[in-house]
């Protein structure tokens, strides 16, 4: 049994250069998967979710002829809020 374990270990022992290459490939695959995940989320999820308290405040102030909150919410919604992974 111990002999077989040593044989298996010898069969699976790798060259450090091979390990480094595998590690680099694995890291590249993880980075690519992360970029794909973010791309998929950005395509599916809304960029801006108007919260009830923000909308209510903007409406109240707009009814009083103060459009500051409405402009602020519109400006915030027009910005690009997508996450970028380099």
PDB file of N, CA and C in Angstrom:
ATOM      1  N   UNK A   1       0.819  -1.186   0.000  1.00  0.00           N
ATOM      2  CA  UNK A   1       0.000   0.000   0.000  1.00  0.00           C
ATOM      3  C   UNK A   1       0.867   1.256   0.000  1.00  0.00           C
ATOM      4  N   UNK A   2       1.873   1.261   0.854  1.00  0.00           N
ATOM      5  CA  UNK A   2       2.761   2.415   0.920  1.00  0.00           C
ATOM      6  C   UNK A   2       3.532   2.576  -0.372  1.00  0.00           C
ATOM      7  N   UNK A   3       3.924   1.454  -0.979  1.00  0.00           N
ATOM      8  CA  UNK A   3       4.644   1.502  -2.247  1.00  0.00           C
ATOM      9  C   UNK A   3       3.769   2.122  -3.335  1.00  0.00           C
ATOM     10  N   UNK A   4       2.500   1.743  -3.367  1.00  0.00           N
ATOM     11  CA  UNK A   4       1.587   2.292  -4.369  1.00  0.00           C
ATOM     12  C   UNK A   4       1.398   3.796  -4.158  1.00  0.00           C
ATOM     13  N   UNK A   5       1.349   4.223  -2.910  1.00  0.00           N
ATOM     14  CA  UNK A   5       1.225   5.649  -2.627  1.00  0.00           C
ATOM     15  C   UNK A   5       2.442   6.397  -3.148  1.00  0.00           C
ATOM     16  N   UNK A   6       3.644   5.832  -2.960  1.00  0.00           N
ATOM     17  CA  UNK A   6       4.848   6.480  -3.479  1.00  0.00           C
ATOM     18  C   UNK A   6       4.832   6.515  -4.997  1.00  0.00           C
ATOM     19  N   UNK A   7       4.360   5.442  -5.623  1.00  0.00           N
ATOM     20  CA  UNK A   7       4.273   5.411  -7.090  1.00  0.00           C
ATOM     21  C   UNK A   7       3.313   6.478  -7.601  1.00  0.00           C
ATOM     22  N   UNK A   8       2.170   6.586  -6.944  1.00  0.00           N
ATOM     23  CA  UNK A   8       1.199   7.609  -7.352  1.00  0.00           C
ATOM     24  C   UNK A   8       1.773   9.009  -7.166  1.00  0.00           C
ATOM     25  N   UNK A   9       2.478   9.214  -6.074  1.00  0.00           N
ATOM     26  CA  UNK A   9       3.081  10.512  -5.834  1.00  0.00           C
ATOM     27  C   UNK A   9       4.122  10.827  -6.912  1.00  0.00           C
ATOM     28  N   UNK A  10       4.907   9.839  -7.279  1.00  0.00           N
ATOM     29  CA  UNK A  10       5.930  10.035  -8.311  1.00  0.00           C
ATOM     30  C   UNK A  10       5.280  10.319  -9.660  1.00  0.00           C
ATOM     31  N   UNK A  11       4.144   9.673  -9.937  1.00  0.00           N
ATOM     32  CA  UNK A  11       3.445   9.887 -11.203  1.00  0.00           C
ATOM     33  C   UNK A  11       2.846  11.291 -11.280  1.00  0.00           C
ATOM     34  N   UNK A  12       2.412  11.796 -10.144  1.00  0.00           N
ATOM     35  CA  UNK A  12       1.750  13.096 -10.159  1.00  0.00           C
ATOM     36  C   UNK A  12       2.684  14.256  -9.833  1.00  0.00           C
ATOM     37  N   UNK A  13       3.933  13.958  -9.430  1.00  0.00           N
ATOM     38  CA  UNK A  13       4.889  15.031  -9.152  1.00  0.00           C
ATOM     39  C   UNK A  13       5.125  15.819 -10.430  1.00  0.00           C
ATOM     40  N   UNK A  14       5.078  17.125 -10.293  1.00  0.00           N
ATOM     41  CA  UNK A  14       5.188  17.969 -11.476  1.00  0.00           C
ATOM     42  C   UNK A  14       6.430  18.830 -11.399  1.00  0.00           C
ATOM     43  N   UNK A  15       6.840  19.266 -12.549  1.00  0.00           N
ATOM     44  CA  UNK A  15       7.945  20.196 -12.682  1.00  0.00           C
ATOM     45  C   UNK A  15       7.477  21.563 -12.179  1.00  0.00           C
ATOM     46  N   UNK A  16       8.304  22.292 -11.406  1.00  0.00           N
ATOM     47  CA  UNK A  16       7.884  23.617 -10.912  1.00  0.00           C
ATOM     48  C   UNK A  16       7.491  24.572 -12.038  1.00  0.00           C
ATOM     49  N   UNK A  17       8.139  24.466 -13.193  1.00  0.00           N
ATOM     50  CA  UNK A  17       7.760  25.317 -14.319  1.00  0.00           C
ATOM     51  C   UNK A  17       6.356  24.987 -14.801  1.00  0.00           C
ATOM     52  N   UNK A  18       6.014  23.691 -14.804  1.00  0.00           N
ATOM     53  CA  UNK A  18       4.657  23.284 -15.188  1.00  0.00           C
ATOM     54  C   UNK A  18       3.640  23.818 -14.185  1.00  0.00           C
ATOM     55  N   UNK A  19       3.997  23.775 -12.897  1.00  0.00           N
ATOM     56  CA  UNK A  19       3.088  24.286 -11.869  1.00  0.00           C
ATOM     57  C   UNK A  19       2.872  25.788 -12.041  1.00  0.00           C
ATOM     58  N   UNK A  20       3.942  26.510 -12.339  1.00  0.00           N
ATOM     59  CA  UNK A  20       3.824  27.953 -12.543  1.00  0.00           C
ATOM     60  C   UNK A  20       2.942  28.251 -13.751  1.00  0.00           C
ATOM     61  N   UNK A  21       3.117  27.481 -14.813  1.00  0.00           N
ATOM     62  CA  UNK A  21       2.302  27.682 -16.010  1.00  0.00           C
ATOM     63  C   UNK A  21       0.833  27.367 -15.723  1.00  0.00           C
ATOM     64  N   UNK A  22       0.599  26.298 -14.964  1.00  0.00           N
ATOM     65  CA  UNK A  22      -0.781  25.945 -14.612  1.00  0.00           C
ATOM     66  C   UNK A  22      -1.405  27.006 -13.720  1.00  0.00           C
ATOM     67  N   UNK A  23      -0.612  27.543 -12.788  1.00  0.00           N
ATOM     68  CA  UNK A  23      -1.114  28.590 -11.907  1.00  0.00           C
ATOM     69  C   UNK A  23      -1.459  29.841 -12.707  1.00  0.00           C
ATOM     70  N   UNK A  24      -0.589  30.217 -13.625  1.00  0.00           N
ATOM     71  CA  UNK A  24      -0.852  31.388 -14.461  1.00  0.00           C
ATOM     72  C   UNK A  24      -2.093  31.172 -15.313  1.00  0.00           C
ATOM     73  N   UNK A  25      -2.238  29.971 -15.850  1.00  0.00           N
ATOM     74  CA  UNK A  25      -3.413  29.669 -16.672  1.00  0.00           C
ATOM     75  C   UNK A  25      -4.683  29.707 -15.825  1.00  0.00           C
ATOM     76  N   UNK A  26      -4.598  29.185 -14.611  1.00  0.00           N
ATOM     77  CA  UNK A  26      -5.764  29.193 -13.722  1.00  0.00           C
ATOM     78  C   UNK A  26      -6.141  30.620 -13.345  1.00  0.00           C
ATOM     79  N   UNK A  27      -5.146  31.454 -13.048  1.00  0.00           N
ATOM     80  CA  UNK A  27      -5.420  32.851 -12.711  1.00  0.00           C
ATOM     81  C   UNK A  27      -6.034  33.600 -13.884  1.00  0.00           C
ATOM     82  N   UNK A  28      -5.552  33.318 -15.081  1.00  0.00           N
ATOM     83  CA  UNK A  28      -6.117  33.948 -16.273  1.00  0.00           C
ATOM     84  C   UNK A  28      -7.563  33.506 -16.478  1.00  0.00           C
ATOM     85  N   UNK A  29      -7.835  32.228 -16.222  1.00  0.00           N
ATOM     86  CA  UNK A  29      -9.199  31.723 -16.372  1.00  0.00           C
ATOM     87  C   UNK A  29     -10.132  32.364 -15.351  1.00  0.00           C
ATOM     88  N   UNK A  30      -9.649  32.553 -14.127  1.00  0.00           N
ATOM     89  CA  UNK A  30     -10.466  33.194 -13.093  1.00  0.00           C
ATOM     90  C   UNK A  30     -10.750  34.642 -13.480  1.00  0.00           C
ATOM     91  N   UNK A  31      -9.744  35.347 -13.971  1.00  0.00           N
ATOM     92  CA  UNK A  31      -9.931  36.742 -14.388  1.00  0.00           C
ATOM     93  C   UNK A  31     -10.915  36.832 -15.552  1.00  0.00           C
ATOM     94  N   UNK A  32     -10.801  35.918 -16.499  1.00  0.00           N
ATOM     95  CA  UNK A  32     -11.718  35.921 -17.644  1.00  0.00           C
ATOM     96  C   UNK A  32     -13.147  35.637 -17.187  1.00  0.00           C
ATOM     97  N   UNK A  33     -13.290  34.712 -16.240  1.00  0.00           N
ATOM     98  CA  UNK A  33     -14.617  34.391 -15.715  1.00  0.00           C
ATOM     99  C   UNK A  33     -15.212  35.591 -14.982  1.00  0.00           C
ATOM    100  N   UNK A  34     -14.376  36.322 -14.245  1.00  0.00           N
ATOM    101  CA  UNK A  34     -14.850  37.505 -13.529  1.00  0.00           C
ATOM    102  C   UNK A  34     -15.310  38.573 -14.509  1.00  0.00           C
ATOM    103  N   UNK A  35     -14.547  38.782 -15.568  1.00  0.00           N
ATOM    104  CA  UNK A  35     -14.952  39.769 -16.580  1.00  0.00           C
ATOM    105  C   UNK A  35     -16.266  39.360 -17.234  1.00  0.00           C
ATOM    106  N   UNK A  36     -16.413  38.084 -17.535  1.00  0.00           N
ATOM    107  CA  UNK A  36     -17.643  37.592 -18.159  1.00  0.00           C
ATOM    108  C   UNK A  36     -18.828  37.747 -17.216  1.00  0.00           C
ATOM    109  N   UNK A  37     -18.613  37.473 -15.924  1.00  0.00           N
ATOM    110  CA  UNK A  37     -19.679  37.594 -14.930  1.00  0.00           C
ATOM    111  C   UNK A  37     -20.144  39.039 -14.829  1.00  0.00           C
ATOM    112  N   UNK A  38     -19.213  39.977 -14.771  1.00  0.00           N
ATOM    113  CA  UNK A  38     -19.565  41.389 -14.676  1.00  0.00           C
ATOM    114  C   UNK A  38     -20.285  41.836 -15.944  1.00  0.00           C
ATOM    115  N   UNK A  39     -19.810  41.386 -17.082  1.00  0.00           N
ATOM    116  CA  UNK A  39     -20.449  41.735 -18.355  1.00  0.00           C
ATOM    117  C   UNK A  39     -21.896  41.231 -18.387  1.00  0.00           C
ATOM    118  N   UNK A  40     -22.105  40.010 -17.930  1.00  0.00           N
ATOM    119  CA  UNK A  40     -23.447  39.426 -17.898  1.00  0.00           C
ATOM    120  C   UNK A  40     -24.345  40.196 -16.933  1.00  0.00           C
ATOM    121  N   UNK A  41     -23.823  40.531 -15.744  1.00  0.00           N
ATOM    122  CA  UNK A  41     -24.614  41.284 -14.774  1.00  0.00           C
ATOM    123  C   UNK A  41     -24.960  42.669 -15.308  1.00  0.00           C
ATOM    124  N   UNK A  42     -24.002  43.332 -15.934  1.00  0.00           N
ATOM    125  CA  UNK A  42     -24.260  44.672 -16.466  1.00  0.00           C
ATOM    126  C   UNK A  42     -25.311  44.643 -17.568  1.00  0.00           C
ATOM    127  N   UNK A  43     -25.352  43.559 -18.335  1.00  0.00           N
ATOM    128  CA  UNK A  43     -26.342  43.447 -19.406  1.00  0.00           C
ATOM    129  C   UNK A  43     -27.736  43.155 -18.849  1.00  0.00           C
ATOM    130  N   UNK A  44     -27.804  42.477 -17.702  1.00  0.00           N
ATOM    131  CA  UNK A  44     -29.093  42.045 -17.172  1.00  0.00           C
ATOM    132  C   UNK A  44     -29.671  42.984 -16.122  1.00  0.00           C
ATOM    133  N   UNK A  45     -28.827  43.635 -15.346  1.00  0.00           N
ATOM    134  CA  UNK A  45     -29.297  44.445 -14.227  1.00  0.00           C
ATOM    135  C   UNK A  45     -29.463  45.911 -14.626  1.00  0.00           C
ATOM    136  N   UNK A  46     -30.418  46.590 -14.005  1.00  0.00           N
ATOM    137  CA  UNK A  46     -30.587  48.012 -14.304  1.00  0.00           C
ATOM    138  C   UNK A  46     -29.408  48.813 -13.770  1.00  0.00           C
ATOM    139  N   UNK A  47     -29.109  49.909 -14.443  1.00  0.00           N
ATOM    140  CA  UNK A  47     -28.016  50.768 -14.006  1.00  0.00           C
ATOM    141  C   UNK A  47     -28.420  51.591 -12.794  1.00  0.00           C
ATOM    142  N   UNK A  48     -29.679  51.893 -12.667  1.00  0.00           N
ATOM    143  CA  UNK A  48     -30.152  52.796 -11.628  1.00  0.00           C
ATOM    144  C   UNK A  48     -31.470  52.279 -11.090  1.00  0.00           C
ATOM    145  N   UNK A  49     -31.607  52.232  -9.778  1.00  0.00           N
ATOM    146  CA  UNK A  49     -32.871  51.862  -9.147  1.00  0.00           C
ATOM    147  C   UNK A  49     -33.317  53.063  -8.334  1.00  0.00           C
ATOM    148  N   UNK A  50     -34.426  53.648  -8.745  1.00  0.00           N
ATOM    149  CA  UNK A  50     -34.954  54.818  -8.053  1.00  0.00           C
ATOM    150  C   UNK A  50     -35.585  54.366  -6.742  1.00  0.00           C
ATOM    151  N   UNK A  51     -35.056  54.835  -5.649  1.00  0.00           N
ATOM    152  CA  UNK A  51     -35.567  54.491  -4.327  1.00  0.00           C
ATOM    153  C   UNK A  51     -36.784  55.350  -3.996  1.00  0.00           C
ATOM    154  N   UNK A  52     -37.697  54.760  -3.254  1.00  0.00           N
ATOM    155  CA  UNK A  52     -38.961  55.423  -2.932  1.00  0.00           C
ATOM    156  C   UNK A  52     -38.737  56.747  -2.226  1.00  0.00           C
ATOM    157  N   UNK A  53     -37.832  56.797  -1.258  1.00  0.00           N
ATOM    158  CA  UNK A  53     -37.644  58.041  -0.504  1.00  0.00           C
ATOM    159  C   UNK A  53     -37.040  59.143  -1.381  1.00  0.00           C
ATOM    160  N   UNK A  54     -36.220  58.767  -2.356  1.00  0.00           N
ATOM    161  CA  UNK A  54     -35.651  59.761  -3.269  1.00  0.00           C
ATOM    162  C   UNK A  54     -36.740  60.300  -4.190  1.00  0.00           C
ATOM    163  N   UNK A  55     -37.558  59.391  -4.715  1.00  0.00           N
ATOM    164  CA  UNK A  55     -38.647  59.813  -5.603  1.00  0.00           C
ATOM    165  C   UNK A  55     -39.650  60.686  -4.860  1.00  0.00           C
ATOM    166  N   UNK A  56     -39.999  60.286  -3.642  1.00  0.00           N
ATOM    167  CA  UNK A  56     -40.974  61.062  -2.868  1.00  0.00           C
ATOM    168  C   UNK A  56     -40.452  62.467  -2.580  1.00  0.00           C
ATOM    169  N   UNK A  57     -39.180  62.567  -2.200  1.00  0.00           N
ATOM    170  CA  UNK A  57     -38.598  63.881  -1.911  1.00  0.00           C
ATOM    171  C   UNK A  57     -38.549  64.747  -3.177  1.00  0.00           C
ATOM    172  N   UNK A  58     -38.174  64.134  -4.297  1.00  0.00           N
ATOM    173  CA  UNK A  58     -38.107  64.880  -5.556  1.00  0.00           C
ATOM    174  C   UNK A  58     -39.499  65.373  -5.970  1.00  0.00           C
ATOM    175  N   UNK A  59     -40.508  64.530  -5.795  1.00  0.00           N
ATOM    176  CA  UNK A  59     -41.884  64.920  -6.147  1.00  0.00           C
ATOM    177  C   UNK A  59     -42.377  66.043  -5.246  1.00  0.00           C
ATOM    178  N   UNK A  60     -42.147  65.896  -3.942  1.00  0.00           N
ATOM    179  CA  UNK A  60     -42.583  66.939  -3.001  1.00  0.00           C
ATOM    180  C   UNK A  60     -41.959  68.285  -3.334  1.00  0.00           C
ATOM    181  N   UNK A  61     -40.678  68.270  -3.583  1.00  0.00           N
ATOM    182  CA  UNK A  61     -39.996  69.533  -3.883  1.00  0.00           C
ATOM    183  C   UNK A  61     -40.385  70.087  -5.254  1.00  0.00           C
ATOM    184  N   UNK A  62     -40.605  69.197  -6.224  1.00  0.00           N
ATOM    185  CA  UNK A  62     -41.016  69.655  -7.555  1.00  0.00           C
ATOM    186  C   UNK A  62     -42.406  70.290  -7.495  1.00  0.00           C
ATOM    187  N   UNK A  63     -43.283  69.731  -6.663  1.00  0.00           N
ATOM    188  CA  UNK A  63     -44.611  70.334  -6.492  1.00  0.00           C
ATOM    189  C   UNK A  63     -44.519  71.726  -5.876  1.00  0.00           C
ATOM    190  N   UNK A  64     -43.425  71.964  -5.138  1.00  0.00           N
ATOM    191  CA  UNK A  64     -43.201  73.285  -4.540  1.00  0.00           C
ATOM    192  C   UNK A  64     -42.302  74.141  -5.435  1.00  0.00           C
ATOM    193  N   UNK A  65     -42.170  73.733  -6.699  1.00  0.00           N
ATOM    194  CA  UNK A  65     -41.376  74.449  -7.719  1.00  0.00           C
ATOM    195  C   UNK A  65     -39.872  74.433  -7.448  1.00  0.00           C
ATOM    196  N   UNK A  66     -39.396  73.460  -6.680  1.00  0.00           N
ATOM    197  CA  UNK A  66     -37.962  73.283  -6.446  1.00  0.00           C
ATOM    198  C   UNK A  66     -37.550  71.980  -7.140  1.00  0.00           C
ATOM    199  N   UNK A  67     -36.891  72.117  -8.276  1.00  0.00           N
ATOM    200  CA  UNK A  67     -36.547  70.945  -9.087  1.00  0.00           C
ATOM    201  C   UNK A  67     -35.128  70.434  -8.833  1.00  0.00           C
ATOM    202  N   UNK A  68     -34.515  70.889  -7.739  1.00  0.00           N
ATOM    203  CA  UNK A  68     -33.140  70.504  -7.429  1.00  0.00           C
ATOM    204  C   UNK A  68     -33.000  68.989  -7.258  1.00  0.00           C
ATOM    205  N   UNK A  69     -33.864  68.392  -6.443  1.00  0.00           N
ATOM    206  CA  UNK A  69     -33.782  66.947  -6.194  1.00  0.00           C
ATOM    207  C   UNK A  69     -34.062  66.150  -7.467  1.00  0.00           C
ATOM    208  N   UNK A  70     -34.992  66.625  -8.267  1.00  0.00           N
ATOM    209  CA  UNK A  70     -35.310  65.958  -9.523  1.00  0.00           C
ATOM    210  C   UNK A  70     -34.107  65.987 -10.463  1.00  0.00           C
ATOM    211  N   UNK A  71     -33.454  67.139 -10.546  1.00  0.00           N
ATOM    212  CA  UNK A  71     -32.253  67.249 -11.381  1.00  0.00           C
ATOM    213  C   UNK A  71     -31.127  66.364 -10.849  1.00  0.00           C
ATOM    214  N   UNK A  72     -30.972  66.323  -9.515  1.00  0.00           N
ATOM    215  CA  UNK A  72     -29.931  65.497  -8.905  1.00  0.00           C
ATOM    216  C   UNK A  72     -30.158  64.011  -9.210  1.00  0.00           C
ATOM    217  N   UNK A  73     -31.386  63.542  -9.081  1.00  0.00           N
ATOM    218  CA  UNK A  73     -31.699  62.143  -9.374  1.00  0.00           C
ATOM    219  C   UNK A  73     -31.490  61.840 -10.858  1.00  0.00           C
ATOM    220  N   UNK A  74     -31.880  62.763 -11.711  1.00  0.00           N
ATOM    221  CA  UNK A  74     -31.698  62.560 -13.153  1.00  0.00           C
ATOM    222  C   UNK A  74     -30.220  62.527 -13.513  1.00  0.00           C
ATOM    223  N   UNK A  75     -29.424  63.389 -12.890  1.00  0.00           N
ATOM    224  CA  UNK A  75     -27.981  63.405 -13.161  1.00  0.00           C
ATOM    225  C   UNK A  75     -27.339  62.106 -12.686  1.00  0.00           C
ATOM    226  N   UNK A  76     -27.749  61.645 -11.511  1.00  0.00           N
ATOM    227  CA  UNK A  76     -27.186  60.407 -10.985  1.00  0.00           C
ATOM    228  C   UNK A  76     -27.555  59.229 -11.887  1.00  0.00           C
ATOM    229  N   UNK A  77     -28.792  59.203 -12.359  1.00  0.00           N
ATOM    230  CA  UNK A  77     -29.241  58.101 -13.210  1.00  0.00           C
ATOM    231  C   UNK A  77     -28.548  58.107 -14.565  1.00  0.00           C
ATOM    232  N   UNK A  78     -28.103  59.262 -15.014  1.00  0.00           N
ATOM    233  CA  UNK A  78     -27.482  59.333 -16.339  1.00  0.00           C
ATOM    234  C   UNK A  78     -26.010  58.937 -16.330  1.00  0.00           C
ATOM    235  N   UNK A  79     -25.406  58.808 -15.138  1.00  0.00           N
ATOM    236  CA  UNK A  79     -24.003  58.396 -15.050  1.00  0.00           C
ATOM    237  C   UNK A  79     -23.864  56.905 -15.287  1.00  0.00           C
ATOM    238  N   UNK A  80     -22.658  56.510 -15.688  1.00  0.00           N
ATOM    239  CA  UNK A  80     -22.361  55.089 -15.881  1.00  0.00           C
ATOM    240  C   UNK A  80     -21.885  54.501 -14.567  1.00  0.00           C
ATOM    241  N   UNK A  81     -22.653  53.597 -13.995  1.00  0.00           N
ATOM    242  CA  UNK A  81     -22.318  53.012 -12.706  1.00  0.00           C
ATOM    243  C   UNK A  81     -21.887  51.560 -12.819  1.00  0.00           C
ATOM    244  N   UNK A  82     -21.596  51.110 -13.999  1.00  0.00           N
ATOM    245  CA  UNK A  82     -21.187  49.724 -14.154  1.00  0.00           C
ATOM    246  C   UNK A  82     -19.795  49.498 -13.590  1.00  0.00           C
ATOM    247  N   UNK A  83     -19.605  48.313 -13.011  1.00  0.00           N
ATOM    248  CA  UNK A  83     -18.318  47.940 -12.425  1.00  0.00           C
ATOM    249  C   UNK A  83     -17.354  47.558 -13.537  1.00  0.00           C
ATOM    250  N   UNK A  84     -16.115  47.985 -13.422  1.00  0.00           N
ATOM    251  CA  UNK A  84     -15.100  47.625 -14.388  1.00  0.00           C
ATOM    252  C   UNK A  84     -14.019  46.816 -13.693  1.00  0.00           C
ATOM    253  N   UNK A  85     -13.715  45.669 -14.240  1.00  0.00           N
ATOM    254  CA  UNK A  85     -12.631  44.831 -13.711  1.00  0.00           C
ATOM    255  C   UNK A  85     -11.517  44.832 -14.729  1.00  0.00           C
ATOM    256  N   UNK A  86     -10.336  45.196 -14.281  1.00  0.00           N
ATOM    257  CA  UNK A  86      -9.204  45.243 -15.218  1.00  0.00           C
ATOM    258  C   UNK A  86      -8.429  43.951 -15.191  1.00  0.00           C
TER     259      UNK A  86
END
